[in-house]
N, C-alpha and C. Protein backbone atom coordinates (compact mmCIF):
# COMPACT_ATOMS: atom_id res chain seq x y z
N MET A 1 -15.05 7.38 13.69
CA MET A 1 -15.82 8.08 12.53
C MET A 1 -14.92 9.13 12.06
N MET A 2 -14.80 9.22 10.79
CA MET A 2 -13.78 10.23 10.28
C MET A 2 -14.46 11.81 10.47
N ASN A 3 -13.42 12.45 10.75
CA ASN A 3 -14.03 14.01 10.97
C ASN A 3 -13.58 14.61 9.54
N MET A 4 -14.80 14.63 8.83
CA MET A 4 -14.65 15.56 7.45
C MET A 4 -15.00 17.03 7.94
N MET A 5 -14.34 17.86 7.46
CA MET A 5 -14.70 19.43 7.76
C MET A 5 -14.74 20.15 6.44
N PRO A 6 -15.68 20.96 6.44
CA PRO A 6 -15.73 21.71 5.18
C PRO A 6 -14.62 22.56 4.93
N ALA A 7 -14.03 22.95 4.02
CA ALA A 7 -12.85 23.69 3.89
C ALA A 7 -13.25 25.17 4.12
N SER A 8 -14.44 25.73 4.01
CA SER A 8 -14.89 26.99 4.57
C SER A 8 -14.75 27.05 5.93
N GLU A 9 -14.73 25.98 6.69
CA GLU A 9 -14.48 26.06 8.10
C GLU A 9 -13.03 25.79 8.57
N SER A 10 -12.29 25.40 7.84
CA SER A 10 -10.86 25.09 8.13
C SER A 10 -9.66 25.99 7.54
N VAL A 11 -10.29 26.20 6.01
CA VAL A 11 -9.17 27.04 5.38
C VAL A 11 -9.77 28.19 4.59
N ALA A 12 -9.19 29.49 4.85
CA ALA A 12 -9.77 30.58 4.37
C ALA A 12 -9.97 30.62 2.93
N ASN A 13 -9.25 29.88 2.28
CA ASN A 13 -9.33 30.25 0.78
C ASN A 13 -10.80 29.80 0.16
N THR A 14 -11.51 30.57 -0.39
CA THR A 14 -12.80 30.51 -1.04
C THR A 14 -12.96 29.52 -1.91
N ALA A 15 -11.65 29.46 -2.83
CA ALA A 15 -11.66 28.55 -3.93
C ALA A 15 -11.96 27.10 -3.54
N ASP A 16 -11.61 26.80 -2.20
CA ASP A 16 -11.73 25.30 -1.88
C ASP A 16 -12.99 25.22 -0.91
N VAL A 17 -14.06 26.05 -1.26
CA VAL A 17 -15.22 25.69 -0.29
C VAL A 17 -15.72 24.48 -0.41
N ALA A 18 -15.88 23.81 -1.72
CA ALA A 18 -16.66 22.69 -1.60
C ALA A 18 -15.78 21.28 -1.15
N GLU A 19 -14.50 21.57 -1.00
CA GLU A 19 -13.59 20.57 -0.66
C GLU A 19 -13.75 20.08 0.89
N THR A 20 -13.59 18.83 1.18
CA THR A 20 -13.54 18.50 2.54
C THR A 20 -12.26 17.93 2.95
N TYR A 21 -11.97 17.84 4.17
CA TYR A 21 -10.51 17.39 4.53
C TYR A 21 -10.84 16.58 5.57
N ILE A 22 -9.80 15.65 5.89
CA ILE A 22 -9.59 14.60 6.79
C ILE A 22 -8.53 14.90 7.63
N ARG A 23 -8.62 14.91 9.01
CA ARG A 23 -7.39 15.01 9.78
C ARG A 23 -6.66 13.81 9.78
N ILE A 24 -5.22 14.05 10.13
CA ILE A 24 -4.33 13.09 10.40
C ILE A 24 -4.72 11.88 11.05
N GLY A 25 -5.22 11.93 12.16
CA GLY A 25 -5.75 10.90 12.89
C GLY A 25 -6.52 9.95 12.13
N ASP A 26 -7.64 10.63 11.63
CA ASP A 26 -8.76 10.05 10.98
C ASP A 26 -8.15 9.27 9.50
N MET A 27 -7.27 9.88 8.89
CA MET A 27 -6.63 9.50 7.71
C MET A 27 -5.66 8.14 8.17
N ALA A 28 -5.10 8.16 9.22
CA ALA A 28 -4.22 6.94 9.71
C ALA A 28 -5.17 5.84 10.06
N ASN A 29 -6.30 5.83 10.71
CA ASN A 29 -7.19 5.08 11.08
C ASN A 29 -7.88 4.45 10.02
N LEU A 30 -8.35 5.54 8.86
CA LEU A 30 -8.91 4.97 7.70
C LEU A 30 -8.23 3.81 6.85
N PHE A 31 -6.89 4.00 6.77
CA PHE A 31 -5.88 3.20 6.07
C PHE A 31 -5.15 2.23 6.90
N GLY A 32 -5.46 2.24 8.21
CA GLY A 32 -4.60 1.35 9.12
C GLY A 32 -3.08 1.51 9.14
N VAL A 33 -2.63 2.88 9.07
CA VAL A 33 -1.26 3.19 9.28
C VAL A 33 -1.09 4.20 10.34
N THR A 34 0.22 4.36 10.48
CA THR A 34 0.60 5.34 11.69
C THR A 34 0.74 6.74 11.26
N LEU A 35 0.78 7.40 12.15
CA LEU A 35 0.81 9.04 11.76
C LEU A 35 2.33 9.27 11.40
N ARG A 36 3.14 8.54 11.74
CA ARG A 36 4.50 8.54 11.20
C ARG A 36 4.61 8.14 9.64
N THR A 37 3.90 6.95 9.41
CA THR A 37 3.83 6.70 7.97
C THR A 37 3.36 7.86 7.15
N LEU A 38 2.17 8.55 7.47
CA LEU A 38 1.86 9.38 6.73
C LEU A 38 2.77 10.54 6.52
N ARG A 39 3.46 11.11 7.80
CA ARG A 39 4.53 11.99 7.56
C ARG A 39 5.41 11.74 6.66
N PHE A 40 5.83 10.32 6.79
CA PHE A 40 6.85 9.75 5.88
C PHE A 40 6.72 9.99 4.32
N TYR A 41 5.38 9.48 4.10
CA TYR A 41 4.85 9.72 2.71
C TYR A 41 4.82 11.15 2.27
N GLU A 42 4.40 12.04 3.18
CA GLU A 42 4.45 13.54 2.94
C GLU A 42 6.08 14.15 2.75
N ASP A 43 6.90 13.66 3.54
CA ASP A 43 8.33 14.09 3.30
C ASP A 43 8.82 13.63 1.89
N LYS A 44 8.34 12.29 1.50
CA LYS A 44 8.60 11.79 0.32
C LYS A 44 7.95 12.49 -0.90
N GLY A 45 6.90 13.49 -0.57
CA GLY A 45 6.07 14.10 -1.50
C GLY A 45 5.13 13.19 -2.28
N LEU A 46 4.75 12.17 -1.69
CA LEU A 46 3.85 11.30 -2.09
C LEU A 46 2.18 11.85 -1.86
N ILE A 47 2.11 12.50 -0.92
CA ILE A 47 0.90 12.91 -0.51
C ILE A 47 1.01 14.68 -0.08
N SER A 48 0.41 15.45 -0.11
CA SER A 48 0.54 16.90 0.22
C SER A 48 -0.46 17.54 0.94
N PRO A 49 -0.86 17.13 2.26
CA PRO A 49 -1.95 17.70 2.93
C PRO A 49 -1.80 19.29 3.13
N LYS A 50 -2.89 19.86 3.19
CA LYS A 50 -2.85 21.26 3.51
C LYS A 50 -2.56 21.34 4.88
N ARG A 51 -2.11 22.80 5.43
CA ARG A 51 -2.01 22.70 6.87
C ARG A 51 -2.77 23.70 7.43
N GLU A 52 -3.17 23.70 8.77
CA GLU A 52 -3.99 24.91 9.42
C GLU A 52 -3.53 24.69 10.52
N GLY A 53 -2.36 25.51 10.93
CA GLY A 53 -1.74 25.58 11.96
C GLY A 53 -0.72 24.37 12.18
N ASN A 54 -0.73 23.66 13.01
CA ASN A 54 0.25 22.30 13.16
C ASN A 54 -0.78 21.13 12.52
N THR A 55 -1.97 21.45 12.16
CA THR A 55 -2.97 20.46 11.81
C THR A 55 -2.79 20.07 10.24
N ARG A 56 -2.47 18.56 10.03
CA ARG A 56 -2.42 18.38 8.63
C ARG A 56 -3.96 18.01 8.37
N LEU A 57 -4.36 18.50 6.97
CA LEU A 57 -5.52 18.40 6.35
C LEU A 57 -5.69 17.68 5.10
N TYR A 58 -6.11 16.46 4.99
CA TYR A 58 -6.04 15.66 3.83
C TYR A 58 -7.33 15.74 2.90
N SER A 59 -7.22 16.10 1.67
CA SER A 59 -8.13 16.52 0.65
C SER A 59 -8.55 14.91 0.01
N ARG A 60 -9.53 14.96 -0.67
CA ARG A 60 -9.88 13.69 -1.64
C ARG A 60 -8.90 13.17 -2.19
N ARG A 61 -7.99 14.34 -3.02
CA ARG A 61 -6.77 13.89 -3.69
C ARG A 61 -6.08 12.98 -2.94
N ASP A 62 -5.61 13.49 -1.76
CA ASP A 62 -4.72 12.74 -0.73
C ASP A 62 -5.27 11.26 -0.62
N VAL A 63 -6.60 11.22 -0.30
CA VAL A 63 -7.08 9.87 -0.10
C VAL A 63 -6.77 8.95 -1.27
N SER A 64 -7.19 9.57 -2.43
CA SER A 64 -6.83 8.86 -3.62
C SER A 64 -5.33 8.33 -3.84
N ARG A 65 -4.56 9.28 -3.39
CA ARG A 65 -3.11 9.05 -3.60
C ARG A 65 -2.85 8.01 -2.67
N LEU A 66 -3.31 8.03 -1.30
CA LEU A 66 -2.85 7.01 -0.46
C LEU A 66 -3.35 5.87 -0.85
N LYS A 67 -4.70 5.71 -1.36
CA LYS A 67 -5.01 4.56 -1.89
C LYS A 67 -4.13 3.72 -2.93
N LEU A 68 -3.54 4.56 -3.77
CA LEU A 68 -2.74 4.06 -4.82
C LEU A 68 -1.33 3.59 -4.19
N ILE A 69 -0.84 4.18 -3.10
CA ILE A 69 0.34 4.00 -2.36
C ILE A 69 0.11 2.64 -1.91
N MET A 70 -1.06 2.55 -0.97
CA MET A 70 -1.28 1.27 -0.38
C MET A 70 -1.31 -0.05 -1.40
N LEU A 71 -2.03 0.21 -2.46
CA LEU A 71 -2.23 -0.77 -3.59
C LEU A 71 -0.92 -1.13 -3.95
N GLY A 72 -0.23 -0.09 -4.25
CA GLY A 72 1.30 -0.17 -4.63
C GLY A 72 2.04 -1.22 -3.99
N ARG A 73 2.16 -0.76 -2.63
CA ARG A 73 3.15 -1.34 -1.79
C ARG A 73 2.52 -2.73 -1.57
N LYS A 74 1.28 -3.21 -1.51
CA LYS A 74 0.61 -4.38 -1.26
C LYS A 74 1.01 -5.03 -2.39
N VAL A 75 1.07 -4.83 -3.60
CA VAL A 75 1.75 -5.63 -4.71
C VAL A 75 2.91 -5.53 -5.09
N GLY A 76 3.91 -4.87 -4.18
CA GLY A 76 5.22 -5.07 -4.19
C GLY A 76 6.09 -4.02 -4.91
N PHE A 77 5.31 -2.85 -5.22
CA PHE A 77 6.03 -1.71 -5.67
C PHE A 77 6.62 -0.99 -4.80
N SER A 78 7.84 -0.50 -5.14
CA SER A 78 8.78 0.50 -4.35
C SER A 78 7.84 1.86 -4.29
N LEU A 79 8.18 2.62 -3.07
CA LEU A 79 7.63 3.93 -3.16
C LEU A 79 8.22 4.76 -4.35
N ARG A 80 9.30 4.62 -4.78
CA ARG A 80 9.73 5.29 -5.78
C ARG A 80 9.07 4.79 -7.40
N GLU A 81 8.61 3.61 -7.39
CA GLU A 81 7.93 3.38 -8.50
C GLU A 81 6.52 3.96 -8.49
N VAL A 82 5.84 3.84 -7.24
CA VAL A 82 4.80 4.59 -6.94
C VAL A 82 4.73 5.96 -6.99
N LYS A 83 5.62 6.57 -6.93
CA LYS A 83 5.80 8.12 -6.97
C LYS A 83 5.98 8.37 -8.36
N GLN A 84 6.65 7.55 -9.07
CA GLN A 84 6.90 7.78 -10.66
C GLN A 84 5.37 7.53 -11.36
N ILE A 85 4.80 6.65 -11.01
CA ILE A 85 3.34 6.74 -11.62
C ILE A 85 2.41 7.72 -11.27
N MET A 86 2.45 8.05 -10.04
CA MET A 86 1.55 9.16 -9.68
C MET A 86 2.08 10.47 -10.23
N ASP A 87 3.47 10.70 -10.51
CA ASP A 87 3.88 11.94 -10.90
C ASP A 87 3.62 12.06 -12.48
N LEU A 88 3.10 10.97 -13.20
CA LEU A 88 2.80 11.05 -14.54
C LEU A 88 1.26 11.47 -14.99
N TYR A 89 0.50 11.59 -13.79
CA TYR A 89 -0.82 11.94 -13.77
C TYR A 89 -1.00 13.49 -14.38
N ASP A 90 -1.90 13.62 -15.08
CA ASP A 90 -2.05 14.88 -15.86
C ASP A 90 -3.53 15.20 -15.82
N PRO A 91 -4.09 16.08 -15.03
CA PRO A 91 -5.40 16.41 -14.80
C PRO A 91 -6.07 16.77 -15.97
N GLU A 92 -5.44 17.34 -16.87
CA GLU A 92 -5.83 18.06 -18.21
C GLU A 92 -5.81 17.10 -19.28
N GLY A 93 -5.17 15.91 -19.12
CA GLY A 93 -5.06 14.95 -20.35
C GLY A 93 -5.74 13.72 -20.01
N ARG A 94 -5.39 12.78 -20.77
CA ARG A 94 -5.99 11.55 -20.78
C ARG A 94 -5.17 10.37 -20.09
N ASN A 95 -3.89 10.90 -19.72
CA ASN A 95 -3.05 9.94 -18.83
C ASN A 95 -2.58 8.64 -19.54
N ILE A 96 -2.53 8.89 -20.90
CA ILE A 96 -1.88 7.84 -21.72
C ILE A 96 -0.53 7.27 -21.14
N LYS A 97 0.26 8.32 -21.12
CA LYS A 97 1.53 7.74 -20.77
C LYS A 97 1.68 7.30 -19.21
N GLN A 98 0.90 7.65 -18.16
CA GLN A 98 0.78 7.19 -16.88
C GLN A 98 0.19 5.68 -16.92
N LEU A 99 -0.76 5.74 -17.80
CA LEU A 99 -1.45 4.22 -17.89
C LEU A 99 -0.51 3.30 -18.50
N ARG A 100 0.11 3.45 -19.60
CA ARG A 100 1.16 2.69 -20.18
C ARG A 100 2.17 2.34 -19.21
N THR A 101 2.61 3.37 -18.48
CA THR A 101 3.50 2.88 -17.42
C THR A 101 3.20 2.10 -16.29
N LEU A 102 1.85 2.26 -16.02
CA LEU A 102 1.23 1.39 -14.89
C LEU A 102 1.11 0.10 -15.38
N ILE A 103 0.55 -0.15 -16.74
CA ILE A 103 0.44 -1.34 -17.11
C ILE A 103 1.87 -2.04 -17.40
N ASP A 104 2.73 -1.59 -17.93
CA ASP A 104 4.05 -2.08 -17.97
C ASP A 104 4.63 -2.68 -16.86
N LYS A 105 4.51 -1.66 -15.79
CA LYS A 105 5.23 -2.12 -14.34
C LYS A 105 4.26 -3.28 -13.81
N SER A 106 3.01 -3.09 -13.85
CA SER A 106 2.05 -4.15 -13.31
C SER A 106 2.24 -5.37 -14.06
N GLU A 107 2.47 -5.57 -15.23
CA GLU A 107 2.87 -6.66 -15.97
C GLU A 107 3.99 -7.39 -15.56
N ARG A 108 5.14 -6.53 -15.47
CA ARG A 108 6.49 -7.15 -14.96
C ARG A 108 6.23 -7.40 -13.55
N GLN A 109 5.61 -6.75 -12.76
CA GLN A 109 5.56 -7.29 -11.22
C GLN A 109 4.65 -8.71 -11.22
N MET A 110 3.63 -8.63 -12.01
CA MET A 110 2.81 -10.02 -12.34
C MET A 110 3.86 -11.39 -12.48
N VAL A 111 4.62 -11.07 -13.40
CA VAL A 111 5.77 -12.08 -13.72
C VAL A 111 6.54 -12.35 -12.60
N LYS A 112 7.01 -11.25 -11.84
CA LYS A 112 7.97 -11.69 -10.55
C LYS A 112 7.03 -12.32 -9.46
N LEU A 113 5.93 -11.93 -9.37
CA LEU A 113 4.92 -12.38 -8.20
C LEU A 113 4.69 -13.97 -8.66
N GLU A 114 4.62 -14.26 -9.75
CA GLU A 114 4.36 -15.50 -10.32
C GLU A 114 5.44 -16.47 -9.90
N LYS A 115 6.78 -15.89 -10.29
CA LYS A 115 8.02 -16.63 -9.91
C LYS A 115 8.20 -16.86 -8.42
N GLN A 116 7.95 -15.83 -7.64
CA GLN A 116 7.81 -15.95 -6.23
C GLN A 116 6.70 -17.04 -5.51
N ARG A 117 5.63 -17.09 -6.26
CA ARG A 117 4.58 -18.19 -5.87
C ARG A 117 5.16 -19.35 -6.36
N GLU A 118 5.95 -19.90 -7.32
CA GLU A 118 6.48 -20.74 -7.84
C GLU A 118 7.27 -21.26 -6.78
N ALA A 119 8.14 -20.46 -6.41
CA ALA A 119 9.18 -20.93 -5.52
C ALA A 119 8.58 -21.10 -4.02
N ILE A 120 7.52 -20.55 -3.65
CA ILE A 120 6.94 -20.65 -2.51
C ILE A 120 6.25 -22.05 -2.50
N GLU A 121 5.60 -22.28 -3.61
CA GLU A 121 4.99 -23.80 -3.45
C GLU A 121 5.82 -24.80 -3.60
N GLU A 122 7.16 -24.62 -4.42
CA GLU A 122 7.99 -25.69 -4.19
C GLU A 122 8.66 -25.87 -2.77
N ALA A 123 8.95 -24.65 -2.08
CA ALA A 123 9.43 -24.94 -0.85
C ALA A 123 8.38 -25.35 0.11
N MET A 124 7.06 -25.36 -0.17
CA MET A 124 6.11 -25.81 0.53
C MET A 124 6.01 -27.11 0.46
N SER A 125 6.21 -27.68 -0.77
CA SER A 125 6.23 -29.04 -1.13
C SER A 125 7.44 -29.90 -0.49
N ASP A 126 8.34 -29.24 -0.61
CA ASP A 126 9.83 -29.64 -0.03
C ASP A 126 9.43 -30.02 1.51
N LEU A 127 9.01 -28.82 1.83
CA LEU A 127 8.83 -28.93 3.49
C LEU A 127 7.92 -30.00 4.01
N GLN A 128 6.78 -30.25 3.01
CA GLN A 128 5.74 -31.37 3.28
C GLN A 128 6.24 -32.79 3.35
N ASN A 129 7.31 -32.78 2.28
CA ASN A 129 7.78 -34.09 2.20
C ASN A 129 8.90 -34.40 3.40
N ALA A 130 9.45 -33.30 3.82
CA ALA A 130 10.40 -33.50 4.85
C ALA A 130 9.57 -33.90 6.10
N LEU A 131 8.62 -33.02 6.24
CA LEU A 131 7.56 -33.51 7.51
C LEU A 131 7.12 -34.85 7.45
N ASP A 132 6.75 -35.47 6.29
CA ASP A 132 6.23 -36.82 6.19
C ASP A 132 7.37 -37.72 6.66
N ASP A 133 8.60 -37.50 6.08
CA ASP A 133 9.78 -38.27 6.38
C ASP A 133 9.79 -38.34 7.91
N TRP A 134 9.81 -37.08 8.58
CA TRP A 134 10.33 -36.91 9.93
C TRP A 134 9.07 -37.70 10.71
N ARG A 135 8.08 -37.58 10.39
CA ARG A 135 6.71 -38.19 11.09
C ARG A 135 6.95 -39.79 11.04
N SER A 136 7.44 -40.15 9.95
CA SER A 136 7.46 -41.70 9.53
C SER A 136 8.90 -42.06 10.36
N VAL A 137 9.87 -41.37 10.55
CA VAL A 137 11.00 -41.71 11.40
C VAL A 137 10.61 -41.75 12.81
N LEU A 138 9.77 -40.79 13.30
CA LEU A 138 9.24 -40.60 14.44
C LEU A 138 8.46 -41.79 14.89
N ALA A 139 7.52 -42.17 14.21
CA ALA A 139 6.70 -43.36 14.18
C ALA A 139 7.42 -44.62 14.62
N SER A 140 8.26 -44.93 13.63
CA SER A 140 8.95 -46.23 13.67
C SER A 140 10.01 -46.15 14.90
N ARG A 141 10.47 -45.07 15.27
CA ARG A 141 11.20 -45.04 16.42
C ARG A 141 10.27 -45.28 17.90
N MET A 142 9.30 -44.66 17.78
CA MET A 142 8.29 -44.87 18.90
C MET A 142 7.79 -46.41 18.88
N GLN A 143 7.59 -47.00 17.87
CA GLN A 143 7.13 -48.35 17.83
C GLN A 143 8.30 -49.25 18.26
N ALA A 144 9.36 -49.17 17.80
CA ALA A 144 10.87 -49.72 18.13
C ALA A 144 10.86 -49.69 19.60
N GLN A 145 10.72 -48.43 20.31
CA GLN A 145 11.00 -48.31 21.78
C GLN A 145 9.84 -48.87 22.42
N ALA A 146 8.64 -49.21 22.08
CA ALA A 146 7.54 -49.69 22.79
C ALA A 146 7.73 -51.25 22.70
N ALA A 147 8.41 -51.74 21.77
CA ALA A 147 8.57 -53.21 21.73
C ALA A 147 9.48 -53.76 22.66
């Protein structure tokens, strides 16, 4: 179970009183990643947890950003591309530039993935044909040996 702690208990800043935080271990478990991965993403500027002593505390914003990172990685975006998209976020605006960039990159990635799927399907077909041939050769050799 995740340890969500009110900010008033963890960080003295009263402006964040309504915010809740997740500790690093809980964040790692939630997303199925290692602590090292979270620290790596932090080093790359993709997430920025608050600190309380040596403890990293992740906000809802960090959770949202990690969801985007994980989705981006799953569909084949580089971390650089994910960061570029996240850096376009404008909390005061309508994020039109971010959305256009996201759509453009996603459409290009769809084309790339479709080509990969076609290549995989062709390779699977070739392998199936080879397997059929090998099984046929084996069956005829076993039949010849039995005779």
